[in-house]
Amino acid sequence: MSQPNIIFIMTDTQATNMVGCYTGLPLNTQHIDALAAKSVKFDAAWTTCPLCTPARAGLFTGIYANQSGPWTNNIAPGKNMRTMGSYFKAAGWHTGFIGKWHLDGHDYFGTGICPDEWDARYWYDGANYLSDLSEQQISLWRNGLNTRQDLDAYGIDDEFTWAWHISERAIQFIHSARAEPETPFLLVLSYDEPHHPFTCPSRYVENYENFSYPLGNKARDTLADKPTHQRLWAQAMPSPVTDEKHYVHPLYFACNDFVDDQIGRVLDSLTADEWDNTWIVYTSDHGEMMGAHRLISKGSAAYDDICRIPLLIHAPGRKAAVREQPVSHLDLLPTLLDVAGLSVPDALQGRSLLPLLTAPDRWPERGVMVEFNRYEIEHDSFGGFIPMRAWVTAEYKLVINLFDEDELYDRVRDPEEMVNLIHYEEYHERRDRLHDALLAYMDRIRDPFRGYQWATREWRPDLKPQWMGAFRPKPADGVSPVVRDYDTGLPTKGTKVETKQQKF
């Protein structure tokens, strides 16, 4: 059999709480749910950051945004960073990216310029979509379609939407690939929906005009034992939650339904033979708070509502299964390189999930890290610089808010994350072990925001400030020149402890 093809599908602002196969709620995600029925479904997959650009940096570079460059929205990866398409194009694959990129350091729409590693014939970021609209249509899309009546009045149909055009180009890409079956392809589909501005045909909105999402106790979190910035966030951005603890937003739910149908169009275009030779990955960048913990949108928080993302991997020839081990966005690039039989550079910070697909009992117990630094370089209306690092294991979640109160949640006993256990004496030992693991991980990956302040929390009196530490050269990425030691000018021999005063 020839090398497999890969289709990588992602949505925007769609956590596990918005997908039927994860919630059991009537969210009409039938196509995603059908894919789940023949895929490995990950129940504990985590974004690297609950924000668009940093999350995409983790997905497409395999390196946390704190190092790859885009540690907040609208900053581009460094020129020494390789993205997914670069690895596959260099190996002779046909690489296509269609949809929202958000990694060029520009704005939400992008520049319209296709990076060299992708096929420009299919590139269709937000700027390309805007170029196909009149000024009136652009104004409508961004500000004028806020109700079902608006959608009807302006005759908004499937073909008006960005999502429809993404799917249409994807189908064309797949059709053209059939003419060159000896060339494997990597096709990335990046939908903006169900993200704002919530544009879809009115028939979808009709289904949700009387629908409200049950939030449970999370809708009434007083935030009394939570970080100050969360209380300020809740005050500044009131959430549309009913007295019955339900979230109401017909357009958001309608676009969630609509993007599922657009994904279905692409999957339905595959032949039986193509299903047998195509790996399909579906995920999202992050979620939406939806009024949980009295918060909306996304920001510096590690709640499941914005950090626990859906992840399905359809592996040809493998049975459907569920995996409950914590995994990360960072694991997806190493996994796809492994699928393609390509080497995985040491610089990538995740690990291939193929062993977890085939031998879960031998998968080591581990935690994964979630980061946050700032919402956007332009925006000051989202709280400014609020650095956060979270360490998530199968049972617990520790959240260090560098300038604020810290958090600890028992994920088994308190899945709604209502009780902050950071000062509960019976959890001190577990808390400190999680803290040590997080600090060790930040140190190992060379998190540039690391420092003694993450260690010397008021609840860790046993940890004292330290200044000197170890020098760690950048791991090999298979492309960059060798790292040279500053003192000798010779190729580095690896980690060394810096204990002396430098001479200048």
Protein backbone atom coordinates (compact mmCIF):
# COMPACT_ATOMS: atom_id res chain seq x y z
CA MET A 1 0.00 0.00 0.00
CA SER A 2 1.21 3.53 -0.76
CA GLN A 3 2.01 6.05 1.96
CA PRO A 4 -1.17 7.19 3.69
CA ASN A 5 -2.75 10.55 3.11
CA ILE A 6 -3.50 12.84 6.05
CA ILE A 7 -6.45 15.18 6.54
CA PHE A 8 -6.15 17.46 9.55
CA ILE A 9 -9.40 19.22 10.48
CA MET A 10 -9.69 21.92 13.11
CA THR A 11 -12.41 24.26 14.28
CA ASP A 12 -12.16 27.44 16.34
CA THR A 13 -13.67 27.93 19.81
CA GLN A 14 -15.14 24.45 20.10
CA ALA A 15 -14.23 22.58 23.27
CA THR A 16 -15.45 19.11 24.21
CA ASN A 17 -18.54 20.73 25.73
CA MET A 18 -19.79 21.56 22.22
CA VAL A 19 -19.49 18.11 20.64
CA GLY A 20 -22.20 15.50 20.98
CA CYS A 21 -19.93 12.47 21.31
CA TYR A 22 -18.35 14.12 24.37
CA THR A 23 -21.46 15.55 26.03
CA GLY A 24 -24.46 13.49 24.95
CA LEU A 25 -26.32 16.78 24.40
CA PRO A 26 -28.42 17.49 21.26
CA LEU A 27 -25.80 19.64 19.54
CA ASN A 28 -26.28 18.11 16.07
CA THR A 29 -22.62 17.29 15.49
CA GLN A 30 -23.58 14.10 13.67
CA HIS A 31 -20.63 14.09 11.26
CA ILE A 32 -18.03 14.56 13.98
CA ASP A 33 -19.84 11.97 16.08
CA ALA A 34 -19.85 9.54 13.15
CA LEU A 35 -16.09 10.07 12.76
CA ALA A 36 -15.68 9.37 16.48
CA ALA A 37 -17.48 6.05 16.03
CA LYS A 38 -14.60 4.82 13.86
CA SER A 39 -11.71 6.69 15.50
CA VAL A 40 -9.65 6.80 18.65
CA LYS A 41 -11.33 9.39 20.84
CA PHE A 42 -9.19 11.20 23.38
CA ASP A 43 -11.09 12.19 26.51
CA ALA A 44 -8.26 14.21 28.08
CA ALA A 45 -6.75 16.26 25.27
CA TRP A 46 -5.54 19.74 26.19
CA THR A 47 -4.77 22.88 24.28
CA THR A 48 -1.34 24.39 24.80
CA CYS A 49 -3.02 27.76 25.33
CA PRO A 50 -6.70 28.81 25.40
CA LEU A 51 -6.10 31.47 22.75
CA CYS A 52 -6.03 31.30 18.93
CA THR A 53 -2.49 32.14 17.84
CA PRO A 54 -0.54 30.51 20.70
CA ALA A 55 -2.64 27.35 20.37
CA ARG A 56 -2.00 27.21 16.63
CA ALA A 57 1.70 27.76 17.23
CA GLY A 58 1.72 24.68 19.46
CA LEU A 59 -0.23 22.66 16.92
CA PHE A 60 1.77 23.58 13.84
CA THR A 61 5.31 23.99 15.22
CA GLY A 62 5.15 21.30 17.92
CA ILE A 63 6.72 23.80 20.32
CA TYR A 64 5.07 25.93 23.01
CA ALA A 65 4.32 29.46 21.85
CA ASN A 66 6.46 30.83 24.67
CA GLN A 67 9.46 29.63 22.60
CA SER A 68 8.23 29.44 19.02
CA GLY A 69 7.38 33.15 19.17
CA PRO A 70 3.61 33.79 19.17
CA TRP A 71 3.14 33.96 22.94
CA THR A 72 0.07 36.10 22.32
CA ASN A 73 -2.24 36.83 19.40
CA ASN A 74 -0.85 38.64 16.36
CA ILE A 75 2.80 37.67 16.74
CA ALA A 76 4.35 35.37 14.13
CA PRO A 77 6.60 32.37 14.80
CA GLY A 78 10.33 33.05 14.65
CA LYS A 79 12.07 32.61 11.31
CA ASN A 80 13.94 29.62 12.73
CA MET A 81 10.67 27.79 13.42
CA ARG A 82 9.38 25.11 11.07
CA THR A 83 5.68 24.46 10.71
CA MET A 84 3.91 21.23 9.85
CA GLY A 85 3.80 21.96 6.13
CA SER A 86 7.56 22.49 5.98
CA TYR A 87 8.32 18.99 7.25
CA PHE A 88 5.94 17.31 4.82
CA LYS A 89 6.76 19.39 1.76
CA ALA A 90 10.47 18.70 2.26
CA ALA A 91 9.62 14.99 2.27
CA GLY A 92 7.82 15.22 -1.07
CA TRP A 93 4.23 15.44 0.11
CA HIS A 94 1.60 17.63 -1.51
CA THR A 95 0.69 20.09 1.24
CA GLY A 96 -2.48 22.16 1.33
CA PHE A 97 -3.77 24.52 4.01
CA ILE A 98 -7.25 25.97 3.59
CA GLY A 99 -8.79 28.41 6.05
CA LYS A 100 -7.84 30.41 9.10
CA TRP A 101 -4.07 30.57 9.62
CA HIS A 102 -3.61 33.24 12.31
CA LEU A 103 0.15 32.64 12.39
CA ASP A 104 1.47 35.42 10.18
CA GLY A 105 1.72 38.06 12.93
CA HIS A 106 -0.93 40.18 11.26
CA ASP A 107 -4.56 40.39 12.35
CA TYR A 108 -7.43 37.96 12.65
CA PHE A 109 -7.92 37.82 8.85
CA GLY A 110 -4.29 37.29 7.86
CA THR A 111 -2.32 38.75 4.98
CA GLY A 112 -3.69 36.66 2.12
CA ILE A 113 -0.14 35.51 1.34
CA CYS A 114 0.48 31.76 1.26
CA PRO A 115 3.61 30.58 3.08
CA ASP A 116 6.04 28.64 0.91
CA GLU A 117 5.32 25.30 2.56
CA TRP A 118 1.69 25.21 1.38
CA ASP A 119 0.16 25.03 -2.11
CA ALA A 120 -0.88 28.60 -3.00
CA ARG A 121 -3.64 27.34 -5.31
CA TYR A 122 -5.71 26.29 -2.32
CA TRP A 123 -4.67 28.87 0.28
CA TYR A 124 -7.79 30.67 1.57
CA ASP A 125 -7.26 32.64 4.75
CA GLY A 126 -9.53 35.41 5.99
CA ALA A 127 -7.97 38.03 3.74
CA ASN A 128 -8.68 35.85 0.69
CA TYR A 129 -12.28 35.42 1.82
CA LEU A 130 -12.66 39.18 2.29
CA SER A 131 -11.34 39.77 -1.24
CA ASP A 132 -14.28 37.74 -2.57
CA LEU A 133 -16.81 39.96 -0.75
CA SER A 134 -18.09 43.41 -1.54
CA GLU A 135 -17.71 46.16 1.08
CA GLN A 136 -21.38 45.77 1.93
CA GLN A 137 -20.97 42.02 2.39
CA ILE A 138 -17.90 42.55 4.58
CA SER A 139 -19.86 44.94 6.79
CA LEU A 140 -22.70 42.47 6.99
CA TRP A 141 -20.41 39.58 7.90
CA ARG A 142 -18.65 41.48 10.66
CA ASN A 143 -21.48 43.53 12.16
CA GLY A 144 -24.82 43.16 10.42
CA LEU A 145 -25.97 39.56 10.84
CA ASN A 146 -26.91 39.33 14.50
CA THR A 147 -30.30 37.61 14.37
CA ARG A 148 -32.16 35.02 12.34
CA GLN A 149 -34.18 37.87 10.87
CA ASP A 150 -30.99 39.56 9.64
CA LEU A 151 -29.85 36.35 8.00
CA ASP A 152 -33.19 35.99 6.25
CA ALA A 153 -33.38 39.64 5.22
CA TYR A 154 -30.05 39.47 3.41
CA GLY A 155 -30.55 36.00 1.97
CA ILE A 156 -27.51 34.48 3.66
CA ASP A 157 -26.98 30.97 2.30
CA ASP A 158 -24.27 28.33 2.66
CA GLU A 159 -22.18 29.80 -0.14
CA PHE A 160 -21.89 33.17 1.60
CA THR A 161 -19.87 31.65 4.44
CA TRP A 162 -16.14 31.19 4.84
CA ALA A 163 -16.74 27.60 5.94
CA TRP A 164 -18.51 26.65 2.72
CA HIS A 165 -15.61 27.94 0.63
CA ILE A 166 -13.11 26.04 2.80
CA SER A 167 -15.00 22.80 2.25
CA GLU A 168 -15.41 23.47 -1.45
CA ARG A 169 -11.66 23.95 -1.91
CA ALA A 170 -10.96 20.88 0.18
CA ILE A 171 -13.14 18.74 -2.06
CA GLN A 172 -11.33 20.16 -5.10
CA PHE A 173 -7.96 19.38 -3.49
CA ILE A 174 -8.98 15.77 -2.80
CA HIS A 175 -10.33 15.38 -6.34
CA SER A 176 -7.11 16.71 -7.88
CA ALA A 177 -5.00 14.42 -5.70
CA ARG A 178 -6.62 11.41 -7.34
CA ALA A 179 -4.73 12.25 -10.52
CA GLU A 180 -1.43 11.71 -8.69
CA PRO A 181 -2.01 8.72 -6.41
CA GLU A 182 1.72 8.13 -6.03
CA THR A 183 2.10 11.48 -4.21
CA PRO A 184 0.77 11.42 -0.64
CA PHE A 185 -0.89 14.57 0.65
CA LEU A 186 -1.31 16.49 3.87
CA LEU A 187 -4.46 18.60 3.79
CA VAL A 188 -5.24 20.97 6.66
CA LEU A 189 -8.75 22.44 6.97
CA SER A 190 -8.98 25.28 9.47
CA TYR A 191 -12.54 26.46 10.02
CA ASP A 192 -13.31 29.71 11.85
CA GLU A 193 -16.69 28.49 13.05
CA PRO A 194 -18.23 28.40 15.61
CA HIS A 195 -16.13 31.49 16.44
CA HIS A 196 -17.66 34.96 16.12
CA PRO A 197 -19.17 36.53 13.96
CA PHE A 198 -21.52 33.52 14.01
CA THR A 199 -22.61 33.52 10.36
CA CYS A 200 -24.62 30.65 8.94
CA PRO A 201 -27.93 30.14 7.10
CA SER A 202 -30.99 30.98 9.17
CA ARG A 203 -32.34 27.41 9.07
CA TYR A 204 -29.63 26.48 11.58
CA VAL A 205 -30.54 29.31 13.93
CA GLU A 206 -34.18 28.23 14.01
CA ASN A 207 -33.14 24.99 15.69
CA TYR A 208 -31.63 26.83 18.66
CA GLU A 209 -33.97 29.73 19.32
CA ASN A 210 -35.52 27.78 22.19
CA PHE A 211 -32.36 25.91 23.15
CA SER A 212 -30.33 26.69 26.25
CA TYR A 213 -27.16 24.95 27.38
CA PRO A 214 -27.21 23.47 30.91
CA LEU A 215 -24.19 24.70 32.86
CA GLY A 216 -25.04 23.22 36.22
CA ASN A 217 -23.42 24.66 39.32
CA LYS A 218 -20.66 26.28 37.27
CA ALA A 219 -23.10 29.03 36.33
CA ARG A 220 -23.26 30.16 39.96
CA ASP A 221 -19.60 30.06 40.91
CA THR A 222 -19.06 33.04 43.20
CA LEU A 223 -15.32 33.02 42.37
CA ALA A 224 -14.73 33.85 46.03
CA ASP A 225 -11.74 31.51 46.29
CA LYS A 226 -10.57 32.07 42.71
CA PRO A 227 -8.01 34.54 41.29
CA THR A 228 -8.81 38.26 41.39
CA HIS A 229 -8.45 38.60 37.63
CA GLN A 230 -11.31 36.13 37.14
CA ARG A 231 -13.62 38.24 39.28
CA LEU A 232 -12.65 41.35 37.31
CA TRP A 233 -13.23 39.44 34.07
CA ALA A 234 -16.71 38.38 35.20
CA GLN A 235 -17.61 41.96 36.13
CA ALA A 236 -16.36 43.43 32.85
CA MET A 237 -17.97 40.84 30.54
CA PRO A 238 -21.37 39.72 31.89
CA SER A 239 -22.52 36.36 30.60
CA PRO A 240 -25.94 35.58 29.05
CA VAL A 241 -26.98 32.97 31.62
CA THR A 242 -30.58 32.40 32.73
CA ASP A 243 -31.77 32.01 36.29
CA GLU A 244 -32.05 28.30 35.54
CA LYS A 245 -28.27 28.15 35.05
CA HIS A 246 -28.44 27.82 31.27
CA TYR A 247 -26.36 29.58 28.61
CA VAL A 248 -28.34 31.12 25.74
CA HIS A 249 -26.71 31.91 22.38
CA PRO A 250 -28.64 30.64 19.32
CA LEU A 251 -26.11 31.90 16.76
CA TYR A 252 -23.15 30.18 18.45
CA PHE A 253 -24.95 26.85 18.65
CA ALA A 254 -26.18 27.25 15.08
CA CYS A 255 -22.64 27.81 13.77
CA ASN A 256 -21.47 24.81 15.77
CA ASP A 257 -24.08 22.74 13.92
CA PHE A 258 -23.25 24.37 10.58
CA VAL A 259 -19.50 23.72 10.71
CA ASP A 260 -20.21 20.08 11.47
CA ASP A 261 -22.17 19.85 8.22
CA GLN A 262 -19.32 21.51 6.35
CA ILE A 263 -16.89 18.98 7.78
CA GLY A 264 -19.36 16.29 6.73
CA ARG A 265 -19.27 17.53 3.13
CA VAL A 266 -15.53 16.89 2.98
CA LEU A 267 -15.66 13.50 4.70
CA ASP A 268 -18.53 12.40 2.46
CA SER A 269 -16.39 13.19 -0.60
CA LEU A 270 -13.90 10.45 0.28
CA THR A 271 -14.19 7.12 -1.50
CA ALA A 272 -14.05 3.81 0.38
CA ASP A 273 -10.48 3.27 -0.83
CA GLU A 274 -9.49 6.73 0.40
CA TRP A 275 -10.94 6.03 3.85
CA ASP A 276 -8.76 2.93 3.90
CA ASN A 277 -5.62 4.95 3.22
CA THR A 278 -6.26 8.27 4.95
CA TRP A 279 -5.48 9.29 8.51
CA ILE A 280 -7.99 11.88 9.71
CA VAL A 281 -7.38 14.09 12.72
CA TYR A 282 -10.06 16.38 14.12
CA THR A 283 -9.50 18.87 16.93
CA SER A 284 -10.04 22.51 17.89
CA ASP A 285 -7.79 25.29 19.12
CA HIS A 286 -9.65 25.98 22.39
CA GLY A 287 -13.12 26.49 23.81
CA GLU A 288 -15.50 29.22 24.98
CA MET A 289 -16.35 29.75 28.67
CA MET A 290 -20.09 30.09 27.82
CA GLY A 291 -20.91 31.56 31.23
CA ALA A 292 -19.27 28.79 33.22
CA HIS A 293 -17.71 30.26 36.36
CA ARG A 294 -19.48 33.48 35.31
CA LEU A 295 -16.97 33.96 32.47
CA ILE A 296 -17.37 34.31 28.72
CA SER A 297 -14.91 34.19 25.80
CA LYS A 298 -11.41 32.95 26.65
CA GLY A 299 -8.44 34.21 28.60
CA SER A 300 -6.08 33.42 31.43
CA ALA A 301 -7.86 30.44 32.95
CA ALA A 302 -7.31 26.69 32.81
CA TYR A 303 -10.89 25.53 33.21
CA ASP A 304 -11.97 22.55 31.12
CA ASP A 305 -14.46 24.80 29.33
CA ILE A 306 -11.70 26.48 27.32
CA CYS A 307 -8.75 24.10 27.70
CA ARG A 308 -10.11 20.59 27.20
CA ILE A 309 -10.38 20.17 23.47
CA PRO A 310 -11.88 17.42 21.30
CA LEU A 311 -9.42 15.11 19.59
CA LEU A 312 -10.24 12.25 17.25
CA ILE A 313 -7.73 10.23 15.24
CA HIS A 314 -9.05 7.97 12.52
CA ALA A 315 -6.32 5.42 11.88
CA PRO A 316 -7.03 3.14 8.91
CA GLY A 317 -7.31 -0.48 9.93
CA ARG A 318 -7.62 0.28 13.66
CA LYS A 319 -10.76 -0.18 15.71
CA ALA A 320 -12.53 2.65 17.47
CA ALA A 321 -11.36 3.17 21.04
CA VAL A 322 -11.25 5.70 23.84
CA ARG A 323 -8.10 6.95 25.54
CA GLU A 324 -8.27 8.73 28.88
CA GLN A 325 -4.57 9.58 29.30
CA PRO A 326 -3.71 13.32 29.19
CA VAL A 327 -2.37 14.40 25.80
CA SER A 328 -1.56 17.76 24.27
CA HIS A 329 -1.72 19.74 21.04
CA LEU A 330 2.06 19.37 21.08
CA ASP A 331 1.70 15.65 20.43
CA LEU A 332 -0.01 16.03 17.07
CA LEU A 333 2.93 17.07 14.88
CA PRO A 334 5.17 14.26 16.21
CA THR A 335 2.28 11.85 15.67
CA LEU A 336 1.77 12.86 12.04
CA LEU A 337 5.49 12.72 11.32
CA ASP A 338 5.48 9.24 12.80
CA VAL A 339 2.49 8.26 10.64
CA ALA A 340 4.39 9.43 7.56
CA GLY A 341 7.54 7.56 8.54
CA LEU A 342 9.46 10.83 8.95
CA SER A 343 11.95 11.51 11.71
CA VAL A 344 10.76 13.46 14.75
CA PRO A 345 13.31 16.16 15.69
CA ASP A 346 14.44 16.47 19.29
CA ALA A 347 13.27 20.10 19.23
CA LEU A 348 9.61 19.06 19.24
CA GLN A 349 8.25 19.09 22.78
CA GLY A 350 5.44 16.56 22.41
CA ARG A 351 5.58 12.87 21.66
CA SER A 352 4.00 10.63 19.06
CA LEU A 353 0.65 9.19 20.09
CA LEU A 354 1.02 6.06 17.94
CA PRO A 355 2.16 3.95 20.92
CA LEU A 356 -0.91 5.14 22.83
CA LEU A 357 -3.12 4.03 19.96
CA THR A 358 -1.69 0.53 19.90
CA ALA A 359 -0.45 -0.19 23.44
CA PRO A 360 -2.13 2.11 25.97
CA ASP A 361 -1.08 -0.05 28.91
CA ARG A 362 2.55 0.79 28.22
CA TRP A 363 1.95 4.53 27.90
CA PRO A 364 3.74 6.28 30.80
CA GLU A 365 1.79 8.31 33.32
CA ARG A 366 2.42 11.99 32.67
CA GLY A 367 1.09 15.50 33.01
CA VAL A 368 0.68 18.14 30.32
CA MET A 369 1.16 21.90 30.55
CA VAL A 370 -1.22 24.69 29.54
CA GLU A 371 0.13 28.24 29.27
CA PHE A 372 -1.22 31.77 28.98
CA ASN A 373 0.59 35.11 28.84
CA ARG A 374 -1.48 37.83 27.20
CA TYR A 375 -4.58 38.00 25.02
CA GLU A 376 -3.20 40.19 22.26
CA ILE A 377 -0.59 42.87 21.69
CA GLU A 378 -3.28 45.30 20.44
CA HIS A 379 -5.97 44.57 23.02
CA ASP A 380 -5.86 46.08 26.50
CA SER A 381 -9.50 45.21 27.15
CA PHE A 382 -8.72 41.60 28.09
CA GLY A 383 -6.71 42.15 31.25
CA GLY A 384 -3.19 42.72 29.97
CA PHE A 385 -0.27 40.50 30.96
CA ILE A 386 -1.63 37.64 33.11
CA PRO A 387 0.93 34.81 32.95
CA MET A 388 -0.39 31.39 33.90
CA ARG A 389 0.96 27.83 33.79
CA ALA A 390 -1.22 24.81 34.54
CA TRP A 391 -0.17 21.21 35.10
CA VAL A 392 -2.88 18.68 34.28
CA THR A 393 -2.78 15.00 35.22
CA ALA A 394 -5.44 12.31 35.11
CA GLU A 395 -6.62 13.27 38.61
CA TYR A 396 -5.61 16.85 39.33
CA LYS A 397 -5.09 20.29 37.86
CA LEU A 398 -2.66 22.77 39.41
CA VAL A 399 -2.80 26.36 38.12
CA ILE A 400 -0.07 28.87 38.95
CA ASN A 401 -1.19 32.45 38.31
CA LEU A 402 2.09 34.31 38.57
CA PHE A 403 0.61 37.63 39.75
CA ASP A 404 -2.49 36.25 41.43
CA GLU A 405 -3.98 33.49 43.57
CA ASP A 406 -3.17 29.90 42.57
CA GLU A 407 -5.62 27.05 42.05
CA LEU A 408 -5.84 23.31 42.62
CA TYR A 409 -8.73 21.12 41.49
CA ASP A 410 -9.55 17.48 42.07
CA ARG A 411 -10.63 16.46 38.58
CA VAL A 412 -12.23 13.22 39.78
CA ARG A 413 -14.22 14.43 42.79
CA ASP A 414 -14.90 17.94 41.50
CA PRO A 415 -15.18 17.80 37.69
CA GLU A 416 -16.97 21.18 37.65
CA GLU A 417 -13.88 22.79 39.23
CA MET A 418 -15.87 24.61 41.85
CA VAL A 419 -13.62 24.17 44.90
CA ASN A 420 -10.12 25.62 44.90
CA LEU A 421 -8.07 23.25 47.06
CA ILE A 422 -4.80 25.17 46.99
CA HIS A 423 -4.79 25.74 50.77
CA TYR A 424 -6.52 22.51 51.87
CA GLU A 425 -4.13 20.74 54.22
CA GLU A 426 -5.10 17.24 53.13
CA TYR A 427 -3.99 18.11 49.57
CA HIS A 428 -0.65 19.73 50.45
CA GLU A 429 1.51 16.74 49.62
CA ARG A 430 -0.20 16.13 46.28
CA ARG A 431 -0.17 19.86 45.49
CA ASP A 432 3.57 20.13 46.13
CA ARG A 433 4.35 17.09 43.94
CA LEU A 434 2.35 18.61 41.09
CA HIS A 435 4.15 21.90 41.61
CA ASP A 436 7.55 20.21 41.51
CA ALA A 437 6.57 18.41 38.30
CA LEU A 438 5.48 21.66 36.67
CA LEU A 439 8.66 23.49 37.67
CA ALA A 440 10.80 20.62 36.39
CA TYR A 441 8.93 20.63 33.09
CA MET A 442 9.25 24.40 32.63
CA ASP A 443 12.96 23.99 33.31
CA ARG A 444 13.37 21.06 30.92
CA ILE A 445 11.65 22.73 27.96
CA ARG A 446 13.47 26.02 28.64
CA ASP A 447 10.28 28.05 29.14
CA PRO A 448 11.63 31.61 28.69
CA PHE A 449 9.16 32.97 31.24
CA ARG A 450 10.51 30.66 33.96
CA GLY A 451 12.06 32.09 37.09
CA TYR A 452 12.09 31.64 40.84
CA GLN A 453 8.75 33.47 41.17
CA TRP A 454 6.94 30.38 39.85
CA ALA A 455 8.52 28.36 42.67
CA THR A 456 8.36 30.70 45.65
CA ARG A 457 4.63 30.75 46.13
CA GLU A 458 3.34 31.75 49.57
CA TRP A 459 2.09 28.20 50.10
CA ARG A 460 5.57 26.71 49.37
CA PRO A 461 7.75 28.09 52.20
CA ASP A 462 10.25 25.25 51.65
CA LEU A 463 11.30 26.68 48.25
CA LYS A 464 13.77 29.56 48.32
CA PRO A 465 14.74 31.97 45.51
CA GLN A 466 17.71 30.83 43.41
CA TRP A 467 19.63 32.78 40.82
CA MET A 468 22.10 30.57 38.94
CA GLY A 469 21.00 27.56 36.96
CA ALA A 470 21.90 25.31 34.05
CA PHE A 471 22.65 26.24 30.44
CA ARG A 472 20.57 24.21 28.01
CA PRO A 473 21.27 24.48 24.28
CA LYS A 474 18.40 24.42 21.84
CA PRO A 475 17.61 20.80 20.87
CA ALA A 476 18.37 19.81 17.29
CA ASP A 477 15.59 20.44 14.81
CA GLY A 478 17.27 18.71 11.86
CA VAL A 479 17.76 21.96 9.95
CA SER A 480 19.42 24.66 12.06
CA PRO A 481 23.22 24.91 12.37
CA VAL A 482 24.90 23.39 15.40
CA VAL A 483 24.60 25.39 18.63
CA ARG A 484 27.96 26.75 19.75
CA ASP A 485 28.95 27.32 23.36
CA TYR A 486 29.28 31.04 24.14
CA ASP A 487 32.48 30.59 26.18
CA THR A 488 34.36 28.34 23.75
CA GLY A 489 32.84 29.00 20.33
CA LEU A 490 32.86 25.23 19.80
CA PRO A 491 29.83 22.98 19.29
CA THR A 492 28.02 22.64 22.58
CA LYS A 493 28.45 19.50 24.62
CA GLY A 494 25.04 19.91 26.16
CA THR A 495 23.79 20.99 29.55
CA LYS A 496 26.21 22.65 31.92
CA VAL A 497 25.68 24.27 35.30
CA GLU A 498 26.63 27.93 35.43
CA THR A 499 28.11 28.60 38.85
CA LYS A 500 30.73 31.26 38.30
CA GLN A 501 30.74 34.96 37.57
CA GLN A 502 31.09 35.58 33.84
CA LYS A 503 34.03 37.58 32.53
CA PHE A 504 33.33 40.40 30.09
